[in-house]
Each structure stands twice: as C-alpha cells, then as structure tokens.
Amino acid sequence: MSHKTLPVKPTVSFKDIEKLDIRIGTITNVEDVPKSDKLVKLSVDFGDFSRTILVGMKKEREDCTEIIDKQALFIVNLEPKEMMGEVSEGMLFDIGYANGIIPVLATPEKPVPNGVCAG
C-alpha cells in the first residue's frame, strides 16, 4: 500500500493536549447529507450524551452505513461548525486521510464503555 510520508508537526505542550476531550463513542446511525458530495451525518452515542458529527467520507466508502455499531475516537469539545446546512458537534478521528490512503476508523482493540476518555 503506497502512501505519502509527512513530516512531524511542530512540538506542542502537554497542556495543549489536555485541552482536547477525546472519547470513545458508538456510531448509531449514518445519514446522507443530500446537498454535499462528501458529507455524511453520524449519530454517536457517548453514554451520558449523544452528538451529531459530520464526516467527509462519502467518496471513501461504497456503503457509509458499514460503520454503524462501530466504536471510534472522537473529539467532543470542538466548537460546533455549520456545514451544508447541518451542524457538526465534534470530530471523528480517522487514520490515513492526510497520507493519501483511504481512511480507516481509530478504534479500540476491544469494546469499552461509550464516553470513556482517551489519553
């Protein structure tokens, strides 16, 4: 599998990393965002709360619903962002997009409770 190698980004402080709230959530639903050629809308269960998170994966997968019931890592304290008339309340961590390969989900090695913090 060929990929683009990227340089290591500039150093950040541990304090900066602690600002991110990264948690495990289970993807409970995937809906098309009709006005977009890239975006889908994920419903994600974090245990005590749920979020709607928009992800640009429409061109990366034949069937975006294949990730329903999968756990993945998300940033849950990112400021809400409006895209194509929808509001995203977080960010999915995926692996490989920046390197030019078809991204995969960042998932735990075994199931853990929804809402568990990473880091």
Protein backbone atom coordinates (compact mmCIF):
# COMPACT_ATOMS: atom_id res chain seq x y z
CA MET A 1 0.00 0.00 0.00
CA SER A 2 1.56 3.27 -1.13
CA HIS A 3 1.19 6.41 0.95
CA LYS A 4 2.50 9.93 1.27
CA THR A 5 5.01 10.41 4.12
CA LEU A 6 4.53 13.62 6.08
CA PRO A 7 6.99 15.49 8.30
CA VAL A 8 6.41 15.52 12.06
CA LYS A 9 4.38 18.59 13.08
CA PRO A 10 5.83 21.24 15.43
CA THR A 11 6.05 20.34 19.13
CA VAL A 12 3.05 21.17 21.33
CA SER A 13 2.86 21.32 25.10
CA PHE A 14 1.22 18.68 27.24
CA LYS A 15 -1.09 21.46 28.43
CA ASP A 16 -2.34 21.91 24.84
CA ILE A 17 -3.10 18.19 24.51
CA GLU A 18 -5.04 18.24 27.80
CA LYS A 19 -7.44 20.79 26.27
CA LEU A 20 -8.81 18.15 23.87
CA ASP A 21 -11.62 15.94 25.16
CA ILE A 22 -11.16 12.72 23.17
CA ARG A 23 -13.68 9.97 23.84
CA ILE A 24 -14.93 6.66 22.54
CA GLY A 25 -18.38 6.67 21.01
CA THR A 26 -20.51 4.15 19.16
CA ILE A 27 -21.82 5.21 15.76
CA THR A 28 -25.57 4.52 15.93
CA ASN A 29 -26.67 5.94 12.59
CA VAL A 30 -25.26 7.29 9.32
CA GLU A 31 -27.35 9.61 7.15
CA ASP A 32 -26.63 11.19 3.81
CA VAL A 33 -26.22 14.97 3.64
CA PRO A 34 -28.03 15.47 0.31
CA LYS A 35 -26.54 18.88 -0.55
CA SER A 36 -22.98 17.56 -0.21
CA ASP A 37 -20.93 15.24 -2.40
CA LYS A 38 -18.66 14.36 0.58
CA LEU A 39 -20.51 14.68 3.88
CA VAL A 40 -22.48 12.16 5.90
CA LYS A 41 -24.10 12.80 9.28
CA LEU A 42 -23.18 10.43 12.11
CA SER A 43 -25.25 9.96 15.25
CA VAL A 44 -22.85 8.97 18.02
CA ASP A 45 -23.62 7.57 21.48
CA PHE A 46 -21.19 8.70 24.19
CA GLY A 47 -23.07 7.07 27.07
CA ASP A 48 -24.28 10.13 29.00
CA PHE A 49 -24.82 12.18 25.83
CA SER A 50 -25.13 11.89 22.06
CA ARG A 51 -23.72 14.06 19.30
CA THR A 52 -24.24 14.70 15.61
CA ILE A 53 -20.90 14.69 13.82
CA LEU A 54 -20.41 15.43 10.12
CA VAL A 55 -17.73 13.48 8.31
CA GLY A 56 -16.47 13.78 4.72
CA MET A 57 -16.42 10.07 3.89
CA LYS A 58 -18.98 9.75 1.11
CA LYS A 59 -16.33 9.32 -1.61
CA GLU A 60 -14.16 7.00 0.53
CA ARG A 61 -16.66 4.16 1.03
CA GLU A 62 -19.17 2.44 -1.18
CA ASP A 63 -21.51 1.99 1.79
CA CYS A 64 -21.03 4.51 4.62
CA THR A 65 -23.55 2.61 6.76
CA GLU A 66 -20.94 -0.17 7.23
CA ILE A 67 -19.59 1.79 10.23
CA ILE A 68 -22.90 1.65 12.16
CA ASP A 69 -22.40 -0.05 15.56
CA LYS A 70 -18.62 0.52 15.42
CA GLN A 71 -16.77 2.33 18.20
CA ALA A 72 -14.32 5.07 17.29
CA LEU A 73 -12.38 8.00 18.75
CA PHE A 74 -13.91 11.48 18.58
CA ILE A 75 -13.08 14.98 19.81
CA VAL A 76 -16.20 16.04 21.71
CA ASN A 77 -15.24 19.57 22.82
CA LEU A 78 -14.62 21.08 19.38
CA GLU A 79 -16.72 24.19 18.78
CA PRO A 80 -19.84 23.40 16.67
CA LYS A 81 -19.40 24.03 12.96
CA GLU A 82 -22.10 24.50 10.34
CA MET A 83 -21.60 22.75 7.02
CA MET A 84 -24.12 22.42 4.21
CA GLY A 85 -26.98 23.49 6.48
CA GLU A 86 -26.11 20.92 9.18
CA VAL A 87 -24.22 21.43 12.46
CA SER A 88 -21.31 19.19 13.45
CA GLU A 89 -20.74 18.83 17.21
CA GLY A 90 -17.32 17.18 17.18
CA MET A 91 -14.74 15.45 15.02
CA LEU A 92 -14.09 11.83 14.12
CA PHE A 93 -10.51 10.63 14.33
CA ASP A 94 -9.63 8.63 11.27
CA ILE A 95 -6.31 7.28 10.12
CA GLY A 96 -4.68 7.81 6.73
CA TYR A 97 -6.51 10.68 5.04
CA ALA A 98 -3.57 13.12 5.24
CA ASN A 99 -1.29 10.39 3.89
CA GLY A 100 -3.39 9.91 0.78
CA ILE A 101 -4.79 6.46 1.65
CA ILE A 102 -8.43 5.52 2.15
CA PRO A 103 -9.04 6.38 5.82
CA VAL A 104 -9.95 3.84 8.48
CA LEU A 105 -11.54 4.45 11.88
CA ALA A 106 -9.38 4.82 15.00
CA THR A 107 -11.00 2.10 17.11
CA PRO A 108 -10.29 0.47 20.49
CA GLU A 109 -8.76 -3.02 20.43
CA LYS A 110 -11.79 -4.35 22.36
CA PRO A 111 -15.17 -2.84 23.29
CA VAL A 112 -15.14 -0.23 26.07
CA PRO A 113 -17.99 1.79 27.61
CA ASN A 114 -19.18 4.73 25.48
CA GLY A 115 -17.86 8.04 26.74
CA VAL A 116 -14.54 6.65 28.04
CA CYS A 117 -11.76 9.24 27.67
CA ALA A 118 -8.60 8.69 25.64
CA GLY A 119 -5.22 9.92 26.76
